């Protein structure tokens, strides 16, 4: 993609507004840093614009009031499909009796996401890899500062988190055919596993 993109700028505006009141778990870091950094990772590896734009928007449907139809109208079907593929489904549909949707358990949500990503295309896999890479690197930074207290931020245990990211890295490597971005994610997950081994002898 070119050095400047009007579409990417529009996506950054949408994401910044959607995430404006959110911070990263257990920190005061503005949430927009995460999707912006995921997009930077994809730019580094010269992925196409639709993947970079989808990276900027990858959490807006999952975590804000922005809808997929809005994404499709503003950014096209390809971007909307990628965002949908990488968005976690946090609730099960209501039973039809007017009751609210049921929030799914952490492990169920993560397994469902892994199952869907197993059939996703390469661009969705790339966006998820950039997402996971930035999250893992952020976790490693915070582990260095906070130690095991970090895990209290998350619904899943330390072992759960390691299972999820190890499974994710292996799946994404298969989807991307060993692209160099996978090497970065594998290295970050290996550091998480090493930290786990050292603190759980």
C-alpha atoms as a PDB file:
ATOM      1  CA  UNK A   1       0.000   0.000   0.000  1.00  0.00           C
ATOM      2  CA  UNK A   2       1.094   3.615  -0.460  1.00  0.00           C
ATOM      3  CA  UNK A   3       2.719   5.623   2.317  1.00  0.00           C
ATOM      4  CA  UNK A   4      -0.490   7.584   2.891  1.00  0.00           C
ATOM      5  CA  UNK A   5      -3.955   6.069   2.835  1.00  0.00           C
ATOM      6  CA  UNK A   6      -7.174   8.018   3.238  1.00  0.00           C
ATOM      7  CA  UNK A   7      -8.966   4.754   4.062  1.00  0.00           C
ATOM      8  CA  UNK A   8      -6.481   3.930   6.815  1.00  0.00           C
ATOM      9  CA  UNK A   9      -6.837   7.415   8.263  1.00  0.00           C
ATOM     10  CA  UNK A  10     -10.621   7.023   8.288  1.00  0.00           C
ATOM     11  CA  UNK A  11     -10.255   3.673  10.067  1.00  0.00           C
ATOM     12  CA  UNK A  12      -7.987   5.239  12.679  1.00  0.00           C
ATOM     13  CA  UNK A  13     -10.588   7.939  13.330  1.00  0.00           C
ATOM     14  CA  UNK A  14     -13.358   5.344  13.723  1.00  0.00           C
ATOM     15  CA  UNK A  15     -11.260   3.173  16.046  1.00  0.00           C
ATOM     16  CA  UNK A  16      -9.985   6.098  18.120  1.00  0.00           C
ATOM     17  CA  UNK A  17     -13.540   7.341  18.695  1.00  0.00           C
ATOM     18  CA  UNK A  18     -14.902   3.848  19.405  1.00  0.00           C
ATOM     19  CA  UNK A  19     -12.143   3.041  21.935  1.00  0.00           C
ATOM     20  CA  UNK A  20     -11.851   6.573  23.370  1.00  0.00           C
ATOM     21  CA  UNK A  21     -13.014   5.602  26.876  1.00  0.00           C
ATOM     22  CA  UNK A  22     -11.120   2.296  27.019  1.00  0.00           C
ATOM     23  CA  UNK A  23      -7.678   1.404  28.361  1.00  0.00           C
ATOM     24  CA  UNK A  24      -5.669  -1.802  28.203  1.00  0.00           C
ATOM     25  CA  UNK A  25      -6.484  -4.218  31.029  1.00  0.00           C
ATOM     26  CA  UNK A  26      -4.875  -3.238  34.308  1.00  0.00           C
ATOM     27  CA  UNK A  27      -3.168  -0.150  32.892  1.00  0.00           C
ATOM     28  CA  UNK A  28      -3.725   3.444  31.903  1.00  0.00           C
ATOM     29  CA  UNK A  29      -2.536   2.841  28.334  1.00  0.00           C
ATOM     30  CA  UNK A  30      -5.180   4.096  25.859  1.00  0.00           C
ATOM     31  CA  UNK A  31      -6.703   1.084  24.118  1.00  0.00           C
ATOM     32  CA  UNK A  32      -6.156   2.533  20.632  1.00  0.00           C
ATOM     33  CA  UNK A  33      -2.434   1.798  21.038  1.00  0.00           C
ATOM     34  CA  UNK A  34      -3.162  -1.918  20.579  1.00  0.00           C
ATOM     35  CA  UNK A  35      -4.971  -1.919  17.205  1.00  0.00           C
ATOM     36  CA  UNK A  36      -2.657   0.816  15.917  1.00  0.00           C
ATOM     37  CA  UNK A  37       0.391  -1.286  16.765  1.00  0.00           C
ATOM     38  CA  UNK A  38      -1.175  -4.378  15.175  1.00  0.00           C
ATOM     39  CA  UNK A  39      -1.576  -2.342  11.975  1.00  0.00           C
ATOM     40  CA  UNK A  40       2.057  -1.181  12.173  1.00  0.00           C
ATOM     41  CA  UNK A  41       3.194  -4.813  12.390  1.00  0.00           C
ATOM     42  CA  UNK A  42       1.282  -5.629   9.203  1.00  0.00           C
ATOM     43  CA  UNK A  43       2.667  -2.547   7.463  1.00  0.00           C
ATOM     44  CA  UNK A  44       6.168  -3.718   8.367  1.00  0.00           C
ATOM     45  CA  UNK A  45       5.514  -6.981   6.548  1.00  0.00           C
ATOM     46  CA  UNK A  46       3.820  -5.220   3.598  1.00  0.00           C
ATOM     47  CA  UNK A  47       0.409  -6.836   3.949  1.00  0.00           C
ATOM     48  CA  UNK A  48      -2.298  -5.246   1.746  1.00  0.00           C
ATOM     49  CA  UNK A  49      -4.403  -2.305   2.822  1.00  0.00           C
ATOM     50  CA  UNK A  50      -7.528  -4.291   3.662  1.00  0.00           C
ATOM     51  CA  UNK A  51      -5.567  -6.285   6.261  1.00  0.00           C
ATOM     52  CA  UNK A  52      -4.002  -3.146   7.770  1.00  0.00           C
ATOM     53  CA  UNK A  53      -7.384  -1.394   7.943  1.00  0.00           C
ATOM     54  CA  UNK A  54      -8.974  -4.501   9.467  1.00  0.00           C
ATOM     55  CA  UNK A  55      -6.202  -4.575  12.098  1.00  0.00           C
ATOM     56  CA  UNK A  56      -7.074  -1.024  13.131  1.00  0.00           C
ATOM     57  CA  UNK A  57     -10.737  -2.027  13.413  1.00  0.00           C
ATOM     58  CA  UNK A  58     -10.303  -5.565  14.700  1.00  0.00           C
ATOM     59  CA  UNK A  59     -11.749  -4.956  18.174  1.00  0.00           C
ATOM     60  CA  UNK A  60     -14.448  -2.374  17.475  1.00  0.00           C
ATOM     61  CA  UNK A  61     -17.235  -4.881  16.791  1.00  0.00           C
ATOM     62  CA  UNK A  62     -16.180  -7.126  19.677  1.00  0.00           C
ATOM     63  CA  UNK A  63     -15.749  -4.371  22.275  1.00  0.00           C
ATOM     64  CA  UNK A  64     -17.735  -1.288  21.192  1.00  0.00           C
ATOM     65  CA  UNK A  65     -21.059  -0.308  19.634  1.00  0.00           C
ATOM     66  CA  UNK A  66     -19.662  -0.287  16.078  1.00  0.00           C
ATOM     67  CA  UNK A  67     -21.420  -2.880  13.916  1.00  0.00           C
ATOM     68  CA  UNK A  68     -20.292  -5.103  11.064  1.00  0.00           C
ATOM     69  CA  UNK A  69     -22.824  -3.535   8.644  1.00  0.00           C
ATOM     70  CA  UNK A  70     -21.238  -0.148   9.404  1.00  0.00           C
ATOM     71  CA  UNK A  71     -17.761  -1.561   8.737  1.00  0.00           C
ATOM     72  CA  UNK A  72     -18.926  -3.044   5.444  1.00  0.00           C
ATOM     73  CA  UNK A  73     -20.596   0.197   4.345  1.00  0.00           C
ATOM     74  CA  UNK A  74     -17.618   2.373   5.223  1.00  0.00           C
ATOM     75  CA  UNK A  75     -14.702   0.066   4.410  1.00  0.00           C
ATOM     76  CA  UNK A  76     -16.008  -2.686   2.141  1.00  0.00           C
ATOM     77  CA  UNK A  77     -16.913  -6.362   2.372  1.00  0.00           C
ATOM     78  CA  UNK A  78     -13.312  -7.607   2.513  1.00  0.00           C
ATOM     79  CA  UNK A  79     -12.463  -5.563   5.614  1.00  0.00           C
ATOM     80  CA  UNK A  80     -15.766  -6.490   7.278  1.00  0.00           C
ATOM     81  CA  UNK A  81     -15.148 -10.190   6.647  1.00  0.00           C
ATOM     82  CA  UNK A  82     -11.683 -10.042   8.227  1.00  0.00           C
ATOM     83  CA  UNK A  83     -12.993  -8.154  11.250  1.00  0.00           C
ATOM     84  CA  UNK A  84     -15.746 -10.732  11.649  1.00  0.00           C
ATOM     85  CA  UNK A  85     -13.276 -13.620  11.361  1.00  0.00           C
ATOM     86  CA  UNK A  86     -11.052 -12.285  14.148  1.00  0.00           C
ATOM     87  CA  UNK A  87     -13.798 -10.998  16.471  1.00  0.00           C
ATOM     88  CA  UNK A  88     -14.430 -13.132  19.515  1.00  0.00           C
ATOM     89  CA  UNK A  89     -18.022 -14.242  20.021  1.00  0.00           C
ATOM     90  CA  UNK A  90     -18.541 -13.466  23.701  1.00  0.00           C
ATOM     91  CA  UNK A  91     -22.200 -14.423  24.021  1.00  0.00           C
ATOM     92  CA  UNK A  92     -24.564 -17.149  22.869  1.00  0.00           C
ATOM     93  CA  UNK A  93     -27.845 -16.077  21.246  1.00  0.00           C
ATOM     94  CA  UNK A  94     -30.829 -15.802  23.570  1.00  0.00           C
ATOM     95  CA  UNK A  95     -33.354 -18.628  23.579  1.00  0.00           C
ATOM     96  CA  UNK A  96     -35.944 -16.469  21.832  1.00  0.00           C
ATOM     97  CA  UNK A  97     -38.047 -15.850  24.936  1.00  0.00           C
ATOM     98  CA  UNK A  98     -36.834 -12.289  25.334  1.00  0.00           C
ATOM     99  CA  UNK A  99     -34.029 -13.180  27.742  1.00  0.00           C
ATOM    100  CA  UNK A 100     -30.660 -11.475  27.211  1.00  0.00           C
ATOM    101  CA  UNK A 101     -27.777 -13.259  25.451  1.00  0.00           C
ATOM    102  CA  UNK A 102     -25.767 -15.602  27.687  1.00  0.00           C
ATOM    103  CA  UNK A 103     -22.109 -14.754  28.280  1.00  0.00           C
ATOM    104  CA  UNK A 104     -19.941 -17.715  27.295  1.00  0.00           C
ATOM    105  CA  UNK A 105     -17.195 -19.123  29.559  1.00  0.00           C
ATOM    106  CA  UNK A 106     -13.643 -17.973  28.779  1.00  0.00           C
ATOM    107  CA  UNK A 107     -12.403 -21.353  27.501  1.00  0.00           C
ATOM    108  CA  UNK A 108     -15.493 -21.838  25.304  1.00  0.00           C
ATOM    109  CA  UNK A 109     -14.989 -18.421  23.685  1.00  0.00           C
ATOM    110  CA  UNK A 110     -11.332 -19.036  22.996  1.00  0.00           C
ATOM    111  CA  UNK A 111     -11.893 -22.517  21.561  1.00  0.00           C
ATOM    112  CA  UNK A 112     -14.644 -21.201  19.295  1.00  0.00           C
ATOM    113  CA  UNK A 113     -12.281 -18.530  18.016  1.00  0.00           C
ATOM    114  CA  UNK A 114      -9.555 -21.082  17.336  1.00  0.00           C
ATOM    115  CA  UNK A 115     -12.031 -23.283  15.479  1.00  0.00           C
ATOM    116  CA  UNK A 116     -13.135 -20.395  13.242  1.00  0.00           C
ATOM    117  CA  UNK A 117      -9.588 -19.248  12.564  1.00  0.00           C
ATOM    118  CA  UNK A 118      -8.689 -22.763  11.436  1.00  0.00           C
ATOM    119  CA  UNK A 119     -10.825 -22.052   8.358  1.00  0.00           C
ATOM    120  CA  UNK A 120      -9.986 -18.364   7.936  1.00  0.00           C
ATOM    121  CA  UNK A 121      -8.035 -17.035   4.991  1.00  0.00           C
ATOM    122  CA  UNK A 122      -4.460 -15.736   5.102  1.00  0.00           C
ATOM    123  CA  UNK A 123      -5.385 -12.076   5.642  1.00  0.00           C
ATOM    124  CA  UNK A 124      -7.561 -12.850   8.659  1.00  0.00           C
ATOM    125  CA  UNK A 125      -4.782 -15.068  10.001  1.00  0.00           C
ATOM    126  CA  UNK A 126      -2.284 -12.240   9.511  1.00  0.00           C
ATOM    127  CA  UNK A 127      -4.466  -9.768  11.411  1.00  0.00           C
ATOM    128  CA  UNK A 128      -4.883 -12.242  14.273  1.00  0.00           C
ATOM    129  CA  UNK A 129      -1.135 -12.878  14.307  1.00  0.00           C
ATOM    130  CA  UNK A 130      -0.397  -9.163  14.613  1.00  0.00           C
ATOM    131  CA  UNK A 131      -3.059  -8.877  17.337  1.00  0.00           C
ATOM    132  CA  UNK A 132      -1.627 -11.816  19.306  1.00  0.00           C
ATOM    133  CA  UNK A 133       1.963 -10.654  18.812  1.00  0.00           C
ATOM    134  CA  UNK A 134       1.317  -7.212  20.258  1.00  0.00           C
ATOM    135  CA  UNK A 135      -0.686  -8.685  23.141  1.00  0.00           C
ATOM    136  CA  UNK A 136       2.038 -11.211  23.989  1.00  0.00           C
ATOM    137  CA  UNK A 137       4.773  -8.580  23.849  1.00  0.00           C
ATOM    138  CA  UNK A 138       2.701  -6.283  26.076  1.00  0.00           C
ATOM    139  CA  UNK A 139       2.183  -9.145  28.531  1.00  0.00           C
ATOM    140  CA  UNK A 140       5.927  -9.840  28.631  1.00  0.00           C
ATOM    141  CA  UNK A 141       6.654  -6.177  29.337  1.00  0.00           C
ATOM    142  CA  UNK A 142       4.136  -6.157  32.158  1.00  0.00           C
ATOM    143  CA  UNK A 143       5.427  -9.458  33.582  1.00  0.00           C
ATOM    144  CA  UNK A 144       8.861  -7.852  33.848  1.00  0.00           C
ATOM    145  CA  UNK A 145       7.339  -4.980  35.845  1.00  0.00           C
ATOM    146  CA  UNK A 146       4.588  -6.699  37.845  1.00  0.00           C
ATOM    147  CA  UNK A 147       5.451 -10.368  37.983  1.00  0.00           C
ATOM    148  CA  UNK A 148       2.671 -12.900  38.549  1.00  0.00           C
ATOM    149  CA  UNK A 149       0.243 -10.161  39.608  1.00  0.00           C
ATOM    150  CA  UNK A 150      -0.328  -9.645  35.891  1.00  0.00           C
ATOM    151  CA  UNK A 151      -2.490 -12.768  35.640  1.00  0.00           C
ATOM    152  CA  UNK A 152      -5.090 -11.282  37.965  1.00  0.00           C
ATOM    153  CA  UNK A 153      -6.179  -9.023  35.088  1.00  0.00           C
ATOM    154  CA  UNK A 154      -7.446 -11.925  33.028  1.00  0.00           C
ATOM    155  CA  UNK A 155     -10.373 -14.311  33.289  1.00  0.00           C
ATOM    156  CA  UNK A 156      -8.218 -17.222  32.190  1.00  0.00           C
ATOM    157  CA  UNK A 157      -5.461 -18.534  34.463  1.00  0.00           C
ATOM    158  CA  UNK A 158      -1.778 -18.366  33.609  1.00  0.00           C
ATOM    159  CA  UNK A 159      -2.011 -21.930  32.279  1.00  0.00           C
ATOM    160  CA  UNK A 160      -5.118 -21.030  30.270  1.00  0.00           C
ATOM    161  CA  UNK A 161      -3.376 -18.065  28.679  1.00  0.00           C
ATOM    162  CA  UNK A 162      -0.368 -20.166  27.752  1.00  0.00           C
ATOM    163  CA  UNK A 163      -2.620 -22.852  26.224  1.00  0.00           C
ATOM    164  CA  UNK A 164      -4.455 -20.234  24.189  1.00  0.00           C
ATOM    165  CA  UNK A 165      -1.413 -18.463  22.773  1.00  0.00           C
ATOM    166  CA  UNK A 166       0.494 -21.691  22.127  1.00  0.00           C
ATOM    167  CA  UNK A 167      -2.516 -23.097  20.260  1.00  0.00           C
ATOM    168  CA  UNK A 168      -3.021 -19.820  18.414  1.00  0.00           C
ATOM    169  CA  UNK A 169       0.612 -19.576  17.295  1.00  0.00           C
ATOM    170  CA  UNK A 170       0.617 -23.145  15.949  1.00  0.00           C
ATOM    171  CA  UNK A 171      -2.667 -22.647  14.104  1.00  0.00           C
ATOM    172  CA  UNK A 172      -1.613 -19.325  12.579  1.00  0.00           C
ATOM    173  CA  UNK A 173       1.686 -20.768  11.407  1.00  0.00           C
ATOM    174  CA  UNK A 174      -0.253 -23.433   9.520  1.00  0.00           C
ATOM    175  CA  UNK A 175      -2.572 -20.815   7.986  1.00  0.00           C
ATOM    176  CA  UNK A 176       0.303 -18.513   6.935  1.00  0.00           C
ATOM    177  CA  UNK A 177       2.726 -21.163   5.755  1.00  0.00           C
ATOM    178  CA  UNK A 178       5.583 -20.093   7.994  1.00  0.00           C
ATOM    179  CA  UNK A 179       5.514 -16.375   7.124  1.00  0.00           C
ATOM    180  CA  UNK A 180       8.208 -14.403   9.064  1.00  0.00           C
ATOM    181  CA  UNK A 181       5.491 -12.720  11.167  1.00  0.00           C
ATOM    182  CA  UNK A 182       4.908 -16.177  12.668  1.00  0.00           C
ATOM    183  CA  UNK A 183       8.530 -16.292  13.830  1.00  0.00           C
ATOM    184  CA  UNK A 184       7.936 -13.184  15.928  1.00  0.00           C
ATOM    185  CA  UNK A 185       4.791 -14.622  17.482  1.00  0.00           C
ATOM    186  CA  UNK A 186       6.477 -17.975  18.153  1.00  0.00           C
ATOM    187  CA  UNK A 187       9.349 -16.176  19.900  1.00  0.00           C
ATOM    188  CA  UNK A 188       6.978 -14.170  22.089  1.00  0.00           C
ATOM    189  CA  UNK A 189       4.967 -17.278  23.036  1.00  0.00           C
ATOM    190  CA  UNK A 190       8.209 -19.142  23.789  1.00  0.00           C
ATOM    191  CA  UNK A 191       9.184 -16.340  26.194  1.00  0.00           C
ATOM    192  CA  UNK A 192       5.794 -16.640  27.913  1.00  0.00           C
ATOM    193  CA  UNK A 193       6.284 -20.403  28.222  1.00  0.00           C
ATOM    194  CA  UNK A 194       9.795 -19.891  29.602  1.00  0.00           C
ATOM    195  CA  UNK A 195       8.479 -17.422  32.194  1.00  0.00           C
ATOM    196  CA  UNK A 196       5.838 -19.989  33.172  1.00  0.00           C
ATOM    197  CA  UNK A 197       8.435 -22.752  33.589  1.00  0.00           C
ATOM    198  CA  UNK A 198      10.695 -20.562  35.726  1.00  0.00           C
ATOM    199  CA  UNK A 199       7.888 -19.482  38.025  1.00  0.00           C
ATOM    200  CA  UNK A 200       6.197 -22.888  38.236  1.00  0.00           C
ATOM    201  CA  UNK A 201       9.021 -25.373  38.798  1.00  0.00           C
END
